[in-house]
Amino acid sequence: MARKRRKNSLQAGELNLTAMIDVAFQLLSFFVMTMKPTDVLAMIDVSRPAPDKRVSQSKPLNIIWITVLGDGRFILNDRPISKENLDTTLCQLGVLDTTQTVIIACTPNSTHGKLIDVLDLCQKAKLSSLSVVSVD
């Protein structure tokens, strides 16, 4: 009678790869998480042109403040002014530079009509950079 061999779950020459794959993924994740990326752009040699010497210095901003008070009066840059004088002054400033910044500050008790009057005067003077703010 022939002897029966016991069959093992693993045949000779076979390896269980589950543990090896697990270790490989752990090593891969470790190296990916601890890797410092190299800054490729820092290593590029770039020849930049010299700055243009003809660039003029930017002039300081001239901001025109017009305050509309509750009693209908106007204040131009901290000086009281009448509506007619405000019209003349804005037209003169509009001739000089139409891109000047005009900030129209309205008090809480000023009327909408006075604000519209100032906006109309600015449009007449062709001033285009306008801001409307409320002040206390």
N, C-alpha and C. Protein backbone atom coordinates (compact mmCIF):
# COMPACT_ATOMS: atom_id res chain seq x y z
N MET A 1 0.81 -1.15 0.00
CA MET A 1 0.00 0.00 0.00
C MET A 1 0.87 1.24 0.00
N ALA A 2 0.43 2.17 -0.77
CA ALA A 2 1.20 3.40 -0.90
C ALA A 2 0.87 4.34 0.23
N ARG A 3 1.86 5.01 0.57
CA ARG A 3 1.69 5.95 1.67
C ARG A 3 1.04 7.24 1.14
N LYS A 4 0.12 7.75 1.89
CA LYS A 4 -0.53 8.98 1.46
C LYS A 4 0.20 10.16 2.07
N ARG A 5 0.42 11.13 1.25
CA ARG A 5 1.09 12.34 1.72
C ARG A 5 0.05 13.33 2.20
N ARG A 6 0.44 14.01 3.21
CA ARG A 6 -0.42 15.11 3.67
C ARG A 6 -0.15 16.32 2.81
N LYS A 7 -1.21 16.93 2.38
CA LYS A 7 -1.05 18.13 1.56
C LYS A 7 -1.02 19.34 2.48
N ASN A 8 0.04 20.06 2.36
CA ASN A 8 0.14 21.31 3.12
C ASN A 8 -0.59 22.41 2.35
N SER A 9 -0.94 23.43 3.09
CA SER A 9 -1.61 24.54 2.41
C SER A 9 -0.64 25.27 1.48
N LEU A 10 0.63 25.19 1.79
CA LEU A 10 1.64 25.81 0.94
C LEU A 10 2.47 24.71 0.31
N GLN A 11 2.62 24.82 -0.95
CA GLN A 11 3.47 23.86 -1.65
C GLN A 11 4.90 24.35 -1.57
N ALA A 12 5.81 23.47 -1.81
CA ALA A 12 7.22 23.85 -1.77
C ALA A 12 7.49 24.86 -2.87
N GLY A 13 8.16 25.96 -2.54
CA GLY A 13 8.49 27.00 -3.51
C GLY A 13 7.47 28.12 -3.57
N GLU A 14 6.37 28.03 -2.88
CA GLU A 14 5.37 29.10 -2.88
C GLU A 14 5.58 29.99 -1.66
N LEU A 15 5.35 31.26 -1.84
CA LEU A 15 5.47 32.21 -0.74
C LEU A 15 4.14 32.93 -0.55
N ASN A 16 3.89 33.31 0.65
CA ASN A 16 2.70 34.10 0.93
C ASN A 16 3.07 35.57 0.68
N LEU A 17 2.51 36.18 -0.35
CA LEU A 17 2.89 37.53 -0.76
C LEU A 17 2.12 38.62 -0.03
N THR A 18 1.14 38.29 0.73
CA THR A 18 0.32 39.30 1.40
C THR A 18 1.16 40.15 2.34
N ALA A 19 2.00 39.52 3.11
CA ALA A 19 2.83 40.28 4.06
C ALA A 19 3.85 41.14 3.32
N MET A 20 4.41 40.63 2.23
CA MET A 20 5.41 41.41 1.48
C MET A 20 4.76 42.63 0.81
N ILE A 21 3.57 42.46 0.28
CA ILE A 21 2.87 43.59 -0.36
C ILE A 21 2.51 44.63 0.70
N ASP A 22 2.11 44.20 1.87
CA ASP A 22 1.78 45.11 2.95
C ASP A 22 3.00 45.94 3.35
N VAL A 23 4.15 45.32 3.49
CA VAL A 23 5.38 46.03 3.83
C VAL A 23 5.76 47.00 2.72
N ALA A 24 5.60 46.58 1.47
CA ALA A 24 5.94 47.45 0.34
C ALA A 24 5.07 48.71 0.35
N PHE A 25 3.78 48.56 0.60
CA PHE A 25 2.90 49.73 0.65
C PHE A 25 3.21 50.62 1.84
N GLN A 26 3.59 50.05 2.95
CA GLN A 26 3.97 50.87 4.10
C GLN A 26 5.23 51.68 3.81
N LEU A 27 6.21 51.05 3.17
CA LEU A 27 7.42 51.79 2.80
C LEU A 27 7.12 52.88 1.78
N LEU A 28 6.29 52.55 0.80
CA LEU A 28 5.92 53.54 -0.21
C LEU A 28 5.22 54.74 0.43
N SER A 29 4.26 54.49 1.31
CA SER A 29 3.56 55.60 1.95
C SER A 29 4.50 56.40 2.85
N PHE A 30 5.44 55.75 3.52
CA PHE A 30 6.41 56.47 4.35
C PHE A 30 7.26 57.41 3.50
N PHE A 31 7.78 56.93 2.37
CA PHE A 31 8.63 57.77 1.54
C PHE A 31 7.85 58.90 0.88
N VAL A 32 6.61 58.66 0.52
CA VAL A 32 5.80 59.73 -0.08
C VAL A 32 5.50 60.81 0.94
N MET A 33 5.21 60.43 2.18
CA MET A 33 4.86 61.42 3.20
C MET A 33 6.06 62.20 3.71
N THR A 34 7.23 61.60 3.69
CA THR A 34 8.42 62.28 4.23
C THR A 34 9.26 62.95 3.15
N MET A 35 8.88 62.84 1.90
CA MET A 35 9.65 63.42 0.81
C MET A 35 9.48 64.94 0.78
N LYS A 36 10.57 65.65 0.60
CA LYS A 36 10.53 67.10 0.42
C LYS A 36 10.65 67.38 -1.07
N PRO A 37 9.64 68.03 -1.65
CA PRO A 37 9.74 68.30 -3.09
C PRO A 37 10.79 69.37 -3.36
N THR A 38 11.53 69.18 -4.43
CA THR A 38 12.55 70.17 -4.80
C THR A 38 11.88 71.31 -5.54
N ASP A 39 12.34 72.49 -5.29
CA ASP A 39 11.79 73.67 -5.94
C ASP A 39 12.48 73.84 -7.29
N VAL A 40 11.82 73.40 -8.33
CA VAL A 40 12.40 73.42 -9.67
C VAL A 40 12.57 74.86 -10.15
N LEU A 41 11.63 75.72 -9.81
CA LEU A 41 11.70 77.10 -10.29
C LEU A 41 12.85 77.87 -9.67
N ALA A 42 13.30 77.46 -8.49
CA ALA A 42 14.41 78.15 -7.85
C ALA A 42 15.73 77.84 -8.54
N MET A 43 15.78 76.74 -9.26
CA MET A 43 17.02 76.34 -9.92
C MET A 43 17.12 76.87 -11.35
N ILE A 44 16.07 77.49 -11.86
CA ILE A 44 16.08 77.99 -13.23
C ILE A 44 16.83 79.32 -13.26
N ASP A 45 17.75 79.43 -14.18
CA ASP A 45 18.51 80.67 -14.34
C ASP A 45 17.77 81.55 -15.33
N VAL A 46 17.21 82.64 -14.83
CA VAL A 46 16.42 83.53 -15.66
C VAL A 46 17.17 84.85 -15.81
N SER A 47 17.30 85.28 -17.03
CA SER A 47 17.92 86.58 -17.29
C SER A 47 16.81 87.60 -17.46
N ARG A 48 16.65 88.43 -16.50
CA ARG A 48 15.60 89.45 -16.55
C ARG A 48 16.19 90.74 -17.09
N PRO A 49 15.39 91.49 -17.84
CA PRO A 49 15.89 92.78 -18.32
C PRO A 49 15.99 93.77 -17.17
N ALA A 50 16.85 94.74 -17.36
CA ALA A 50 17.02 95.78 -16.35
C ALA A 50 15.74 96.61 -16.26
N PRO A 51 15.42 97.13 -15.09
CA PRO A 51 14.22 97.95 -14.98
C PRO A 51 14.33 99.20 -15.84
N ASP A 52 13.18 99.60 -16.36
CA ASP A 52 13.13 100.76 -17.24
C ASP A 52 13.38 102.03 -16.42
N LYS A 53 14.34 102.80 -16.84
CA LYS A 53 14.69 104.02 -16.10
C LYS A 53 13.75 105.18 -16.43
N ARG A 54 12.97 105.01 -17.49
CA ARG A 54 12.08 106.08 -17.90
C ARG A 54 10.77 106.09 -17.14
N VAL A 55 10.55 105.11 -16.28
CA VAL A 55 9.31 105.05 -15.52
C VAL A 55 9.27 106.23 -14.56
N SER A 56 8.23 107.02 -14.70
CA SER A 56 8.13 108.20 -13.84
C SER A 56 7.56 107.80 -12.48
N GLN A 57 7.90 108.58 -11.52
CA GLN A 57 7.37 108.35 -10.19
C GLN A 57 5.89 108.69 -10.19
N SER A 58 5.10 107.86 -9.56
CA SER A 58 3.67 108.12 -9.53
C SER A 58 3.40 109.32 -8.62
N LYS A 59 2.56 110.18 -9.12
CA LYS A 59 2.25 111.38 -8.34
C LYS A 59 1.26 111.02 -7.23
N PRO A 60 1.30 111.73 -6.14
CA PRO A 60 0.38 111.42 -5.05
C PRO A 60 -1.06 111.69 -5.47
N LEU A 61 -1.96 110.91 -4.92
CA LEU A 61 -3.37 111.06 -5.27
C LEU A 61 -3.93 112.35 -4.72
N ASN A 62 -4.65 113.05 -5.56
CA ASN A 62 -5.38 114.24 -5.13
C ASN A 62 -6.83 113.82 -4.94
N ILE A 63 -7.23 113.69 -3.71
CA ILE A 63 -8.59 113.28 -3.42
C ILE A 63 -9.39 114.52 -3.06
N ILE A 64 -10.51 114.66 -3.72
CA ILE A 64 -11.41 115.79 -3.48
C ILE A 64 -12.53 115.29 -2.57
N TRP A 65 -12.64 115.90 -1.40
CA TRP A 65 -13.69 115.55 -0.44
C TRP A 65 -14.80 116.59 -0.52
N ILE A 66 -16.00 116.13 -0.80
CA ILE A 66 -17.18 117.00 -0.78
C ILE A 66 -18.13 116.43 0.27
N THR A 67 -18.46 117.25 1.26
CA THR A 67 -19.37 116.81 2.32
C THR A 67 -20.70 117.52 2.14
N VAL A 68 -21.78 116.74 2.15
CA VAL A 68 -23.13 117.29 2.05
C VAL A 68 -23.72 117.27 3.46
N LEU A 69 -24.01 118.45 3.99
CA LEU A 69 -24.54 118.56 5.35
C LEU A 69 -26.06 118.48 5.34
N GLY A 70 -26.63 118.26 6.50
CA GLY A 70 -28.08 118.12 6.63
C GLY A 70 -28.85 119.39 6.34
N ASP A 71 -28.24 120.55 6.55
CA ASP A 71 -28.95 121.81 6.30
C ASP A 71 -28.78 122.29 4.86
N GLY A 72 -28.21 121.46 3.98
CA GLY A 72 -28.09 121.82 2.57
C GLY A 72 -26.79 122.48 2.20
N ARG A 73 -25.89 122.68 3.15
CA ARG A 73 -24.61 123.31 2.84
C ARG A 73 -23.64 122.25 2.33
N PHE A 74 -22.60 122.74 1.61
CA PHE A 74 -21.56 121.88 1.08
C PHE A 74 -20.22 122.28 1.67
N ILE A 75 -19.35 121.30 1.86
CA ILE A 75 -17.99 121.55 2.34
C ILE A 75 -17.04 120.87 1.36
N LEU A 76 -16.11 121.64 0.81
CA LEU A 76 -15.12 121.12 -0.13
C LEU A 76 -13.76 121.14 0.56
N ASN A 77 -13.21 119.97 0.81
CA ASN A 77 -11.90 119.84 1.48
C ASN A 77 -11.83 120.68 2.75
N ASP A 78 -12.78 120.49 3.64
CA ASP A 78 -12.86 121.15 4.95
C ASP A 78 -13.10 122.65 4.90
N ARG A 79 -13.61 123.16 3.77
CA ARG A 79 -13.96 124.58 3.67
C ARG A 79 -15.39 124.70 3.15
N PRO A 80 -16.22 125.48 3.82
CA PRO A 80 -17.59 125.67 3.32
C PRO A 80 -17.57 126.34 1.95
N ILE A 81 -18.50 125.92 1.09
CA ILE A 81 -18.55 126.45 -0.26
C ILE A 81 -20.01 126.45 -0.72
N SER A 82 -20.36 127.44 -1.55
CA SER A 82 -21.72 127.49 -2.08
C SER A 82 -21.83 126.56 -3.30
N LYS A 83 -23.07 126.31 -3.72
CA LYS A 83 -23.29 125.41 -4.85
C LYS A 83 -22.69 125.98 -6.12
N GLU A 84 -22.80 127.28 -6.33
CA GLU A 84 -22.27 127.91 -7.54
C GLU A 84 -20.74 127.84 -7.56
N ASN A 85 -20.12 128.13 -6.42
CA ASN A 85 -18.66 128.04 -6.35
C ASN A 85 -18.18 126.59 -6.47
N LEU A 86 -18.97 125.66 -5.96
CA LEU A 86 -18.63 124.24 -6.10
C LEU A 86 -18.66 123.83 -7.57
N ASP A 87 -19.65 124.33 -8.30
CA ASP A 87 -19.75 124.05 -9.73
C ASP A 87 -18.53 124.58 -10.46
N THR A 88 -18.14 125.81 -10.18
CA THR A 88 -16.98 126.42 -10.83
C THR A 88 -15.70 125.66 -10.49
N THR A 89 -15.54 125.33 -9.22
CA THR A 89 -14.32 124.64 -8.78
C THR A 89 -14.22 123.25 -9.41
N LEU A 90 -15.33 122.51 -9.43
CA LEU A 90 -15.30 121.17 -10.02
C LEU A 90 -15.03 121.22 -11.52
N CYS A 91 -15.57 122.22 -12.21
CA CYS A 91 -15.28 122.36 -13.64
C CYS A 91 -13.80 122.65 -13.88
N GLN A 92 -13.21 123.49 -13.04
CA GLN A 92 -11.77 123.78 -13.17
C GLN A 92 -10.93 122.53 -12.89
N LEU A 93 -11.32 121.77 -11.87
CA LEU A 93 -10.59 120.54 -11.56
C LEU A 93 -10.78 119.48 -12.65
N GLY A 94 -11.96 119.46 -13.25
CA GLY A 94 -12.22 118.51 -14.33
C GLY A 94 -11.40 118.80 -15.57
N VAL A 95 -11.12 120.08 -15.82
CA VAL A 95 -10.27 120.44 -16.96
C VAL A 95 -8.84 119.95 -16.72
N LEU A 96 -8.37 120.04 -15.49
CA LEU A 96 -7.00 119.61 -15.17
C LEU A 96 -6.84 118.10 -15.28
N ASP A 97 -7.74 117.35 -14.66
CA ASP A 97 -7.62 115.89 -14.66
C ASP A 97 -8.99 115.29 -14.40
N THR A 98 -9.52 114.55 -15.38
CA THR A 98 -10.86 113.97 -15.24
C THR A 98 -10.84 112.67 -14.43
N THR A 99 -9.66 112.15 -14.11
CA THR A 99 -9.58 110.90 -13.35
C THR A 99 -9.35 111.13 -11.86
N GLN A 100 -9.46 112.35 -11.40
CA GLN A 100 -9.28 112.63 -9.98
C GLN A 100 -10.38 111.93 -9.18
N THR A 101 -10.02 111.48 -8.01
CA THR A 101 -10.97 110.79 -7.16
C THR A 101 -11.78 111.81 -6.36
N VAL A 102 -13.10 111.68 -6.46
CA VAL A 102 -14.00 112.56 -5.72
C VAL A 102 -14.77 111.69 -4.73
N ILE A 103 -14.65 112.02 -3.46
CA ILE A 103 -15.39 111.30 -2.42
C ILE A 103 -16.48 112.23 -1.90
N ILE A 104 -17.71 111.79 -2.05
CA ILE A 104 -18.86 112.58 -1.61
C ILE A 104 -19.35 111.97 -0.30
N ALA A 105 -19.20 112.71 0.78
CA ALA A 105 -19.59 112.23 2.10
C ALA A 105 -20.91 112.88 2.48
N CYS A 106 -21.88 112.05 2.83
CA CYS A 106 -23.20 112.55 3.21
C CYS A 106 -23.44 112.29 4.69
N THR A 107 -23.95 113.29 5.37
CA THR A 107 -24.32 113.12 6.77
C THR A 107 -25.66 112.38 6.82
N PRO A 108 -25.99 111.76 7.95
CA PRO A 108 -27.24 110.99 8.02
C PRO A 108 -28.50 111.81 7.77
N ASN A 109 -28.48 113.08 8.09
CA ASN A 109 -29.69 113.89 7.90
C ASN A 109 -29.65 114.74 6.63
N SER A 110 -28.72 114.48 5.72
CA SER A 110 -28.70 115.22 4.45
C SER A 110 -29.73 114.61 3.50
N THR A 111 -30.21 115.45 2.59
CA THR A 111 -31.26 115.00 1.67
C THR A 111 -30.65 114.37 0.43
N HIS A 112 -31.44 113.50 -0.19
CA HIS A 112 -30.97 112.84 -1.41
C HIS A 112 -30.84 113.84 -2.55
N GLY A 113 -31.66 114.87 -2.52
CA GLY A 113 -31.61 115.87 -3.59
C GLY A 113 -30.27 116.58 -3.65
N LYS A 114 -29.69 116.89 -2.49
CA LYS A 114 -28.38 117.55 -2.45
C LYS A 114 -27.28 116.62 -2.96
N LEU A 115 -27.40 115.33 -2.65
CA LEU A 115 -26.44 114.36 -3.18
C LEU A 115 -26.54 114.29 -4.70
N ILE A 116 -27.75 114.28 -5.22
CA ILE A 116 -27.94 114.25 -6.67
C ILE A 116 -27.39 115.52 -7.30
N ASP A 117 -27.55 116.67 -6.63
CA ASP A 117 -26.98 117.92 -7.15
C ASP A 117 -25.46 117.80 -7.29
N VAL A 118 -24.80 117.25 -6.28
CA VAL A 118 -23.34 117.11 -6.33
C VAL A 118 -22.94 116.13 -7.43
N LEU A 119 -23.69 115.03 -7.56
CA LEU A 119 -23.39 114.07 -8.62
C LEU A 119 -23.56 114.69 -10.01
N ASP A 120 -24.58 115.52 -10.17
CA ASP A 120 -24.78 116.22 -11.44
C ASP A 120 -23.64 117.18 -11.73
N LEU A 121 -23.16 117.88 -10.70
CA LEU A 121 -22.03 118.80 -10.89
C LEU A 121 -20.77 118.03 -11.29
N CYS A 122 -20.56 116.87 -10.71
CA CYS A 122 -19.39 116.05 -11.06
C CYS A 122 -19.51 115.54 -12.49
N GLN A 123 -20.71 115.17 -12.90
CA GLN A 123 -20.90 114.72 -14.28
C GLN A 123 -20.69 115.87 -15.25
N LYS A 124 -21.15 117.05 -14.90
CA LYS A 124 -20.95 118.23 -15.74
C LYS A 124 -19.47 118.54 -15.90
N ALA A 125 -18.68 118.31 -14.84
CA ALA A 125 -17.24 118.56 -14.89
C ALA A 125 -16.48 117.38 -15.49
N LYS A 126 -17.20 116.32 -15.89
CA LYS A 126 -16.62 115.11 -16.50
C LYS A 126 -15.68 114.38 -15.55
N LEU A 127 -15.96 114.45 -14.26
CA LEU A 127 -15.19 113.68 -13.27
C LEU A 127 -15.82 112.29 -13.19
N SER A 128 -15.00 111.26 -13.36
CA SER A 128 -15.55 109.91 -13.48
C SER A 128 -15.28 109.01 -12.28
N SER A 129 -14.30 109.33 -11.47
CA SER A 129 -13.96 108.47 -10.34
C SER A 129 -14.65 109.00 -9.09
N LEU A 130 -15.87 108.52 -8.85
CA LEU A 130 -16.69 109.03 -7.75
C LEU A 130 -16.94 107.94 -6.71
N SER A 131 -16.96 108.34 -5.46
CA SER A 131 -17.33 107.44 -4.37
C SER A 131 -18.28 108.18 -3.44
N VAL A 132 -19.31 107.48 -2.99
CA VAL A 132 -20.27 108.07 -2.07
C VAL A 132 -20.17 107.32 -0.75
N VAL A 133 -19.95 108.06 0.33
CA VAL A 133 -19.84 107.45 1.66
C VAL A 133 -20.76 108.19 2.61
N SER A 134 -21.10 107.52 3.70
CA SER A 134 -21.89 108.19 4.74
C SER A 134 -21.00 108.39 5.96
N VAL A 135 -21.14 109.55 6.57
CA VAL A 135 -20.35 109.89 7.75
C VAL A 135 -21.29 110.30 8.86
N ASP A 136 -20.79 110.24 10.07
CA ASP A 136 -21.59 110.67 11.23
C ASP A 136 -21.31 112.11 11.56
